[in-house]
Structure formats: C-alpha cells, structure tokens
C-alpha cells in the first residue's frame, strides 16, 4: 500500500525556498523544521531562483516565441522524413 502524498501549496514551497536561499540553516534542518523530504528543498530553491528572473524581467515571452519557432522547424523536419 502506497503512503499518501502530501500536496504543498505554492506559498508553502516559496516559504521553504526562501529559507533555503537565506542559507542560515542546512537542508537537513529545513527539512526537519518544515517536515518535507530533504530532496525537495533544493528543488524548490532552484525553481525559485530560476523563476525570479522571469518575474523581474521580460525573458518569458521571448522564450515562448523561440520555443514556437523551434517546434515549427522540428515539425517541418518530421514531415520531410515521412515523405
């Protein structure tokens, strides 16, 4: 029988990530304090740091446009291979 997974709110994840960014406590201490698995804290910290650039800048719309053109070119290559 699988154990129940806990679903954390984005606000909770941000709180844990902000504490990790501060660097006042180790990952083990934060994990114990907030009762989360030790592997979650670095993941949430990385997501916070990566996402902060998108909030403060206009990188996201340009990135989406770049992805759209990439997808278009890949579909063109796939259609050529089928023919």
PDB file of N, CA and C in Angstrom:
ATOM      1  N   UNK A   1       0.835  -1.178   0.000  1.00  0.00           N
ATOM      2  CA  UNK A   1       0.000   0.000   0.000  1.00  0.00           C
ATOM      3  C   UNK A   1       0.880   1.242   0.000  1.00  0.00           C
ATOM      4  N   UNK A   2       0.617   2.148  -0.924  1.00  0.00           N
ATOM      5  CA  UNK A   2       1.419   3.354  -1.031  1.00  0.00           C
ATOM      6  C   UNK A   2       1.024   4.365   0.049  1.00  0.00           C
ATOM      7  N   UNK A   3       2.028   5.066   0.568  1.00  0.00           N
ATOM      8  CA  UNK A   3       1.679   6.117   1.532  1.00  0.00           C
ATOM      9  C   UNK A   3       1.053   7.308   0.798  1.00  0.00           C
ATOM     10  N   UNK A   4       0.229   8.051   1.522  1.00  0.00           N
ATOM     11  CA  UNK A   4      -0.417   9.219   0.924  1.00  0.00           C
ATOM     12  C   UNK A   4       0.610  10.303   0.675  1.00  0.00           C
ATOM     13  N   UNK A   5       0.529  10.923  -0.491  1.00  0.00           N
ATOM     14  CA  UNK A   5       1.430  12.020  -0.819  1.00  0.00           C
ATOM     15  C   UNK A   5       0.828  13.315  -0.310  1.00  0.00           C
ATOM     16  N   UNK A   6       1.690  14.146   0.227  1.00  0.00           N
ATOM     17  CA  UNK A   6       1.240  15.454   0.689  1.00  0.00           C
ATOM     18  C   UNK A   6       1.355  16.442  -0.456  1.00  0.00           C
ATOM     19  N   UNK A   7       0.362  17.270  -0.585  1.00  0.00           N
ATOM     20  CA  UNK A   7       0.381  18.305  -1.617  1.00  0.00           C
ATOM     21  C   UNK A   7       0.642  19.631  -0.932  1.00  0.00           C
ATOM     22  N   UNK A   8       1.745  20.253  -1.315  1.00  0.00           N
ATOM     23  CA  UNK A   8       2.131  21.519  -0.710  1.00  0.00           C
ATOM     24  C   UNK A   8       1.666  22.667  -1.597  1.00  0.00           C
ATOM     25  N   UNK A   9       1.230  23.723  -0.954  1.00  0.00           N
ATOM     26  CA  UNK A   9       0.788  24.902  -1.695  1.00  0.00           C
ATOM     27  C   UNK A   9       1.997  25.658  -2.229  1.00  0.00           C
ATOM     28  N   UNK A  10       1.807  26.421  -3.283  1.00  0.00           N
ATOM     29  CA  UNK A  10       2.913  27.237  -3.797  1.00  0.00           C
ATOM     30  C   UNK A  10       3.458  28.212  -2.752  1.00  0.00           C
ATOM     31  N   UNK A  11       2.593  28.717  -1.891  1.00  0.00           N
ATOM     32  CA  UNK A  11       3.047  29.641  -0.844  1.00  0.00           C
ATOM     33  C   UNK A  11       3.975  28.932   0.141  1.00  0.00           C
ATOM     34  N   UNK A  12       3.653  27.686   0.477  1.00  0.00           N
ATOM     35  CA  UNK A  12       4.495  26.912   1.390  1.00  0.00           C
ATOM     36  C   UNK A  12       5.843  26.618   0.745  1.00  0.00           C
ATOM     37  N   UNK A  13       5.808  26.241  -0.529  1.00  0.00           N
ATOM     38  CA  UNK A  13       7.053  25.956  -1.250  1.00  0.00           C
ATOM     39  C   UNK A  13       7.937  27.191  -1.321  1.00  0.00           C
ATOM     40  N   UNK A  14       7.311  28.346  -1.565  1.00  0.00           N
ATOM     41  CA  UNK A  14       8.074  29.590  -1.635  1.00  0.00           C
ATOM     42  C   UNK A  14       8.688  29.920  -0.281  1.00  0.00           C
ATOM     43  N   UNK A  15       7.960  29.665   0.781  1.00  0.00           N
ATOM     44  CA  UNK A  15       8.465  29.935   2.133  1.00  0.00           C
ATOM     45  C   UNK A  15       9.689  29.073   2.432  1.00  0.00           C
ATOM     46  N   UNK A  16       9.612  27.797   2.104  1.00  0.00           N
ATOM     47  CA  UNK A  16      10.736  26.887   2.330  1.00  0.00           C
ATOM     48  C   UNK A  16      11.919  27.289   1.448  1.00  0.00           C
ATOM     49  N   UNK A  17      11.645  27.620   0.193  1.00  0.00           N
ATOM     50  CA  UNK A  17      12.712  28.014  -0.737  1.00  0.00           C
ATOM     51  C   UNK A  17      13.396  29.298  -0.278  1.00  0.00           C
ATOM     52  N   UNK A  18      12.633  30.245   0.220  1.00  0.00           N
ATOM     53  CA  UNK A  18      13.219  31.500   0.705  1.00  0.00           C
ATOM     54  C   UNK A  18      14.126  31.242   1.905  1.00  0.00           C
ATOM     55  N   UNK A  19      13.727  30.345   2.774  1.00  0.00           N
ATOM     56  CA  UNK A  19      14.573  29.986   3.909  1.00  0.00           C
ATOM     57  C   UNK A  19      15.860  29.315   3.426  1.00  0.00           C
ATOM     58  N   UNK A  20      15.748  28.508   2.369  1.00  0.00           N
ATOM     59  CA  UNK A  20      16.936  27.845   1.825  1.00  0.00           C
ATOM     60  C   UNK A  20      17.866  28.864   1.181  1.00  0.00           C
ATOM     61  N   UNK A  21      17.302  29.873   0.523  1.00  0.00           N
ATOM     62  CA  UNK A  21      18.118  30.906  -0.115  1.00  0.00           C
ATOM     63  C   UNK A  21      18.881  31.698   0.940  1.00  0.00           C
ATOM     64  N   UNK A  22      18.254  31.936   2.078  1.00  0.00           N
ATOM     65  CA  UNK A  22      18.924  32.678   3.150  1.00  0.00           C
ATOM     66  C   UNK A  22      20.212  31.973   3.583  1.00  0.00           C
ATOM     67  N   UNK A  23      20.199  30.650   3.602  1.00  0.00           N
ATOM     68  CA  UNK A  23      21.386  29.883   3.941  1.00  0.00           C
ATOM     69  C   UNK A  23      21.721  29.853   5.418  1.00  0.00           C
ATOM     70  N   UNK A  24      20.781  30.205   6.276  1.00  0.00           N
ATOM     71  CA  UNK A  24      21.028  30.213   7.719  1.00  0.00           C
ATOM     72  C   UNK A  24      20.961  28.821   8.332  1.00  0.00           C
ATOM     73  N   UNK A  25      20.257  27.916   7.643  1.00  0.00           N
ATOM     74  CA  UNK A  25      20.126  26.541   8.126  1.00  0.00           C
ATOM     75  C   UNK A  25      20.498  25.573   7.012  1.00  0.00           C
ATOM     76  N   UNK A  26      20.883  24.374   7.401  1.00  0.00           N
ATOM     77  CA  UNK A  26      21.210  23.347   6.417  1.00  0.00           C
ATOM     78  C   UNK A  26      19.923  22.769   5.831  1.00  0.00           C
ATOM     79  N   UNK A  27      20.082  22.021   4.761  1.00  0.00           N
ATOM     80  CA  UNK A  27      18.934  21.373   4.126  1.00  0.00           C
ATOM     81  C   UNK A  27      18.271  20.413   5.097  1.00  0.00           C
ATOM     82  N   UNK A  28      19.057  19.692   5.858  1.00  0.00           N
ATOM     83  CA  UNK A  28      18.508  18.747   6.824  1.00  0.00           C
ATOM     84  C   UNK A  28      17.694  19.467   7.901  1.00  0.00           C
ATOM     85  N   UNK A  29      18.201  20.592   8.354  1.00  0.00           N
ATOM     86  CA  UNK A  29      17.485  21.351   9.386  1.00  0.00           C
ATOM     87  C   UNK A  29      16.173  21.908   8.831  1.00  0.00           C
ATOM     88  N   UNK A  30      16.216  22.428   7.615  1.00  0.00           N
ATOM     89  CA  UNK A  30      14.991  22.949   6.996  1.00  0.00           C
ATOM     90  C   UNK A  30      13.976  21.837   6.758  1.00  0.00           C
ATOM     91  N   UNK A  31      14.451  20.700   6.301  1.00  0.00           N
ATOM     92  CA  UNK A  31      13.563  19.576   6.035  1.00  0.00           C
ATOM     93  C   UNK A  31      12.888  19.107   7.314  1.00  0.00           C
ATOM     94  N   UNK A  32      13.634  19.072   8.384  1.00  0.00           N
ATOM     95  CA  UNK A  32      13.073  18.678   9.672  1.00  0.00           C
ATOM     96  C   UNK A  32      12.084  19.730  10.175  1.00  0.00           C
ATOM     97  N   UNK A  33      12.449  20.978  10.038  1.00  0.00           N
ATOM     98  CA  UNK A  33      11.610  22.083  10.533  1.00  0.00           C
ATOM     99  C   UNK A  33      10.266  22.150   9.807  1.00  0.00           C
ATOM    100  N   UNK A  34      10.294  21.998   8.480  1.00  0.00           N
ATOM    101  CA  UNK A  34       9.074  22.108   7.692  1.00  0.00           C
ATOM    102  C   UNK A  34       8.435  20.754   7.380  1.00  0.00           C
ATOM    103  N   UNK A  35       9.047  19.674   7.839  1.00  0.00           N
ATOM    104  CA  UNK A  35       8.542  18.311   7.651  1.00  0.00           C
ATOM    105  C   UNK A  35       8.360  17.962   6.171  1.00  0.00           C
ATOM    106  N   UNK A  36       9.419  18.177   5.392  1.00  0.00           N
ATOM    107  CA  UNK A  36       9.432  17.794   3.986  1.00  0.00           C
ATOM    108  C   UNK A  36      10.648  16.899   3.747  1.00  0.00           C
ATOM    109  N   UNK A  37      10.639  16.205   2.628  1.00  0.00           N
ATOM    110  CA  UNK A  37      11.759  15.337   2.287  1.00  0.00           C
ATOM    111  C   UNK A  37      12.972  16.197   1.945  1.00  0.00           C
ATOM    112  N   UNK A  38      14.172  15.779   2.352  1.00  0.00           N
ATOM    113  CA  UNK A  38      15.374  16.586   2.094  1.00  0.00           C
ATOM    114  C   UNK A  38      15.654  16.875   0.620  1.00  0.00           C
ATOM    115  N   UNK A  39      15.166  16.063  -0.284  1.00  0.00           N
ATOM    116  CA  UNK A  39      15.413  16.321  -1.709  1.00  0.00           C
ATOM    117  C   UNK A  39      14.518  17.426  -2.265  1.00  0.00           C
ATOM    118  N   UNK A  40      13.423  17.736  -1.586  1.00  0.00           N
ATOM    119  CA  UNK A  40      12.501  18.754  -2.072  1.00  0.00           C
ATOM    120  C   UNK A  40      13.058  20.166  -1.917  1.00  0.00           C
ATOM    121  N   UNK A  41      13.740  20.421  -0.822  1.00  0.00           N
ATOM    122  CA  UNK A  41      14.210  21.775  -0.521  1.00  0.00           C
ATOM    123  C   UNK A  41      15.124  22.329  -1.611  1.00  0.00           C
ATOM    124  N   UNK A  42      16.156  21.616  -2.064  1.00  0.00           N
ATOM    125  CA  UNK A  42      16.996  22.165  -3.145  1.00  0.00           C
ATOM    126  C   UNK A  42      16.238  22.347  -4.460  1.00  0.00           C
ATOM    127  N   UNK A  43      15.272  21.470  -4.736  1.00  0.00           N
ATOM    128  CA  UNK A  43      14.486  21.597  -5.961  1.00  0.00           C
ATOM    129  C   UNK A  43      13.654  22.870  -5.931  1.00  0.00           C
ATOM    130  N   UNK A  44      13.020  23.142  -4.796  1.00  0.00           N
ATOM    131  CA  UNK A  44      12.194  24.337  -4.671  1.00  0.00           C
ATOM    132  C   UNK A  44      13.065  25.591  -4.691  1.00  0.00           C
ATOM    133  N   UNK A  45      14.248  25.505  -4.108  1.00  0.00           N
ATOM    134  CA  UNK A  45      15.175  26.644  -4.112  1.00  0.00           C
ATOM    135  C   UNK A  45      15.591  26.962  -5.551  1.00  0.00           C
ATOM    136  N   UNK A  46      15.930  25.936  -6.305  1.00  0.00           N
ATOM    137  CA  UNK A  46      16.344  26.125  -7.695  1.00  0.00           C
ATOM    138  C   UNK A  46      15.199  26.703  -8.519  1.00  0.00           C
ATOM    139  N   UNK A  47      13.984  26.214  -8.299  1.00  0.00           N
ATOM    140  CA  UNK A  47      12.828  26.726  -9.030  1.00  0.00           C
ATOM    141  C   UNK A  47      12.566  28.186  -8.689  1.00  0.00           C
ATOM    142  N   UNK A  48      12.745  28.545  -7.431  1.00  0.00           N
ATOM    143  CA  UNK A  48      12.557  29.937  -7.019  1.00  0.00           C
ATOM    144  C   UNK A  48      13.581  30.844  -7.684  1.00  0.00           C
ATOM    145  N   UNK A  49      14.839  30.440  -7.656  1.00  0.00           N
ATOM    146  CA  UNK A  49      15.885  31.264  -8.246  1.00  0.00           C
ATOM    147  C   UNK A  49      15.731  31.369  -9.758  1.00  0.00           C
ATOM    148  N   UNK A  50      15.328  30.289 -10.396  1.00  0.00           N
ATOM    149  CA  UNK A  50      15.129  30.304 -11.846  1.00  0.00           C
ATOM    150  C   UNK A  50      13.911  31.147 -12.222  1.00  0.00           C
ATOM    151  N   UNK A  51      12.847  31.024 -11.447  1.00  0.00           N
ATOM    152  CA  UNK A  51      11.619  31.751 -11.745  1.00  0.00           C
ATOM    153  C   UNK A  51      11.690  33.228 -11.426  1.00  0.00           C
ATOM    154  N   UNK A  52      12.581  33.632 -10.534  1.00  0.00           N
ATOM    155  CA  UNK A  52      12.686  35.037 -10.149  1.00  0.00           C
ATOM    156  C   UNK A  52      13.093  35.902 -11.338  1.00  0.00           C
ATOM    157  N   UNK A  53      13.914  35.388 -12.215  1.00  0.00           N
ATOM    158  CA  UNK A  53      14.344  36.151 -13.387  1.00  0.00           C
ATOM    159  C   UNK A  53      13.151  36.440 -14.296  1.00  0.00           C
ATOM    160  N   UNK A  54      12.235  35.508 -14.420  1.00  0.00           N
ATOM    161  CA  UNK A  54      11.056  35.709 -15.243  1.00  0.00           C
ATOM    162  C   UNK A  54      10.103  36.731 -14.657  1.00  0.00           C
ATOM    163  N   UNK A  55      10.055  36.808 -13.350  1.00  0.00           N
ATOM    164  CA  UNK A  55       9.176  37.771 -12.696  1.00  0.00           C
ATOM    165  C   UNK A  55       9.719  39.183 -12.852  1.00  0.00           C
ATOM    166  N   UNK A  56      11.012  39.327 -12.726  1.00  0.00           N
ATOM    167  CA  UNK A  56      11.624  40.649 -12.745  1.00  0.00           C
ATOM    168  C   UNK A  56      11.963  41.145 -14.140  1.00  0.00           C
ATOM    169  N   UNK A  57      11.979  40.272 -15.112  1.00  0.00           N
ATOM    170  CA  UNK A  57      12.341  40.674 -16.470  1.00  0.00           C
ATOM    171  C   UNK A  57      11.299  40.231 -17.470  1.00  0.00           C
ATOM    172  N   UNK A  58      11.571  40.500 -18.717  1.00  0.00           N
ATOM    173  CA  UNK A  58      10.661  40.117 -19.794  1.00  0.00           C
ATOM    174  C   UNK A  58      11.228  38.964 -20.600  1.00  0.00           C
ATOM    175  N   UNK A  59      11.893  38.026 -19.949  1.00  0.00           N
ATOM    176  CA  UNK A  59      12.514  36.900 -20.651  1.00  0.00           C
ATOM    177  C   UNK A  59      11.495  35.870 -21.101  1.00  0.00           C
ATOM    178  N   UNK A  60      10.406  35.703 -20.397  1.00  0.00           N
ATOM    179  CA  UNK A  60       9.461  34.640 -20.684  1.00  0.00           C
ATOM    180  C   UNK A  60       8.794  34.773 -22.050  1.00  0.00           C
ATOM    181  N   UNK A  61       8.252  35.935 -22.448  1.00  0.00           N
ATOM    182  CA  UNK A  61       7.608  35.993 -23.773  1.00  0.00           C
ATOM    183  C   UNK A  61       8.574  35.683 -24.912  1.00  0.00           C
ATOM    184  N   UNK A  62       9.805  36.137 -24.805  1.00  0.00           N
ATOM    185  CA  UNK A  62      10.780  35.869 -25.846  1.00  0.00           C
ATOM    186  C   UNK A  62      11.105  34.386 -25.896  1.00  0.00           C
ATOM    187  N   UNK A  63      11.188  33.765 -24.757  1.00  0.00           N
ATOM    188  CA  UNK A  63      11.497  32.342 -24.700  1.00  0.00           C
ATOM    189  C   UNK A  63      10.376  31.527 -25.337  1.00  0.00           C
ATOM    190  N   UNK A  64       9.115  31.900 -25.085  1.00  0.00           N
ATOM    191  CA  UNK A  64       7.990  31.180 -25.672  1.00  0.00           C
ATOM    192  C   UNK A  64       7.991  31.308 -27.193  1.00  0.00           C
ATOM    193  N   UNK A  65       8.332  32.499 -27.703  1.00  0.00           N
ATOM    194  CA  UNK A  65       8.402  32.680 -29.147  1.00  0.00           C
ATOM    195  C   UNK A  65       9.503  31.817 -29.746  1.00  0.00           C
ATOM    196  N   UNK A  66      10.633  31.736 -29.055  1.00  0.00           N
ATOM    197  CA  UNK A  66      11.733  30.898 -29.514  1.00  0.00           C
ATOM    198  C   UNK A  66      11.344  29.436 -29.542  1.00  0.00           C
ATOM    199  N   UNK A  67      10.581  29.000 -28.533  1.00  0.00           N
ATOM    200  CA  UNK A  67      10.117  27.620 -28.496  1.00  0.00           C
ATOM    201  C   UNK A  67       9.143  27.341 -29.632  1.00  0.00           C
ATOM    202  N   UNK A  68       8.294  28.300 -29.949  1.00  0.00           N
ATOM    203  CA  UNK A  68       7.321  28.103 -31.030  1.00  0.00           C
ATOM    204  C   UNK A  68       8.028  27.922 -32.367  1.00  0.00           C
ATOM    205  N   UNK A  69       9.051  28.716 -32.621  1.00  0.00           N
ATOM    206  CA  UNK A  69       9.774  28.566 -33.891  1.00  0.00           C
ATOM    207  C   UNK A  69      10.534  27.248 -33.925  1.00  0.00           C
ATOM    208  N   UNK A  70      11.092  26.848 -32.798  1.00  0.00           N
ATOM    209  CA  UNK A  70      11.792  25.569 -32.735  1.00  0.00           C
ATOM    210  C   UNK A  70      10.832  24.420 -33.024  1.00  0.00           C
ATOM    211  N   UNK A  71       9.669  24.452 -32.415  1.00  0.00           N
ATOM    212  CA  UNK A  71       8.669  23.406 -32.638  1.00  0.00           C
ATOM    213  C   UNK A  71       8.251  23.382 -34.110  1.00  0.00           C
ATOM    214  N   UNK A  72       8.065  24.554 -34.707  1.00  0.00           N
ATOM    215  CA  UNK A  72       7.688  24.641 -36.116  1.00  0.00           C
ATOM    216  C   UNK A  72       8.737  23.972 -37.001  1.00  0.00           C
ATOM    217  N   UNK A  73      10.007  24.275 -36.753  1.00  0.00           N
ATOM    218  CA  UNK A  73      11.082  23.688 -37.559  1.00  0.00           C
ATOM    219  C   UNK A  73      11.186  22.175 -37.347  1.00  0.00           C
ATOM    220  N   UNK A  74      10.961  21.731 -36.145  1.00  0.00           N
ATOM    221  CA  UNK A  74      11.008  20.293 -35.889  1.00  0.00           C
ATOM    222  C   UNK A  74       9.873  19.565 -36.598  1.00  0.00           C
ATOM    223  N   UNK A  75       8.680  20.160 -36.606  1.00  0.00           N
ATOM    224  CA  UNK A  75       7.575  19.547 -37.335  1.00  0.00           C
ATOM    225  C   UNK A  75       7.856  19.514 -38.834  1.00  0.00           C
ATOM    226  N   UNK A  76       8.515  20.530 -39.360  1.00  0.00           N
ATOM    227  CA  UNK A  76       8.893  20.530 -40.776  1.00  0.00           C
ATOM    228  C   UNK A  76       9.838  19.373 -41.067  1.00  0.00           C
ATOM    229  N   UNK A  77      10.809  19.169 -40.188  1.00  0.00           N
ATOM    230  CA  UNK A  77      11.761  18.064 -40.399  1.00  0.00           C
ATOM    231  C   UNK A  77      11.057  16.717 -40.323  1.00  0.00           C
ATOM    232  N   UNK A  78      10.116  16.575 -39.417  1.00  0.00           N
ATOM    233  CA  UNK A  78       9.373  15.318 -39.291  1.00  0.00           C
ATOM    234  C   UNK A  78       8.573  15.050 -40.565  1.00  0.00           C
ATOM    235  N   UNK A  79       7.927  16.083 -41.117  1.00  0.00           N
ATOM    236  CA  UNK A  79       7.145  15.882 -42.335  1.00  0.00           C
ATOM    237  C   UNK A  79       8.050  15.526 -43.508  1.00  0.00           C
ATOM    238  N   UNK A  80       9.242  16.078 -43.566  1.00  0.00           N
ATOM    239  CA  UNK A  80      10.190  15.731 -44.631  1.00  0.00           C
ATOM    240  C   UNK A  80      10.622  14.272 -44.515  1.00  0.00           C
ATOM    241  N   UNK A  81      10.838  13.812 -43.292  1.00  0.00           N
ATOM    242  CA  UNK A  81      11.255  12.437 -43.091  1.00  0.00           C
ATOM    243  C   UNK A  81      10.165  11.453 -43.471  1.00  0.00           C
ATOM    244  N   UNK A  82       8.913  11.823 -43.245  1.00  0.00           N
ATOM    245  CA  UNK A  82       7.794  10.941 -43.622  1.00  0.00           C
ATOM    246  C   UNK A  82       7.678  10.804 -45.119  1.00  0.00           C
ATOM    247  N   UNK A  83       7.950  11.887 -45.827  1.00  0.00           N
ATOM    248  CA  UNK A  83       7.839  11.877 -47.289  1.00  0.00           C
ATOM    249  C   UNK A  83       9.046  11.159 -47.832  1.00  0.00           C
TER     250      UNK A  83
END
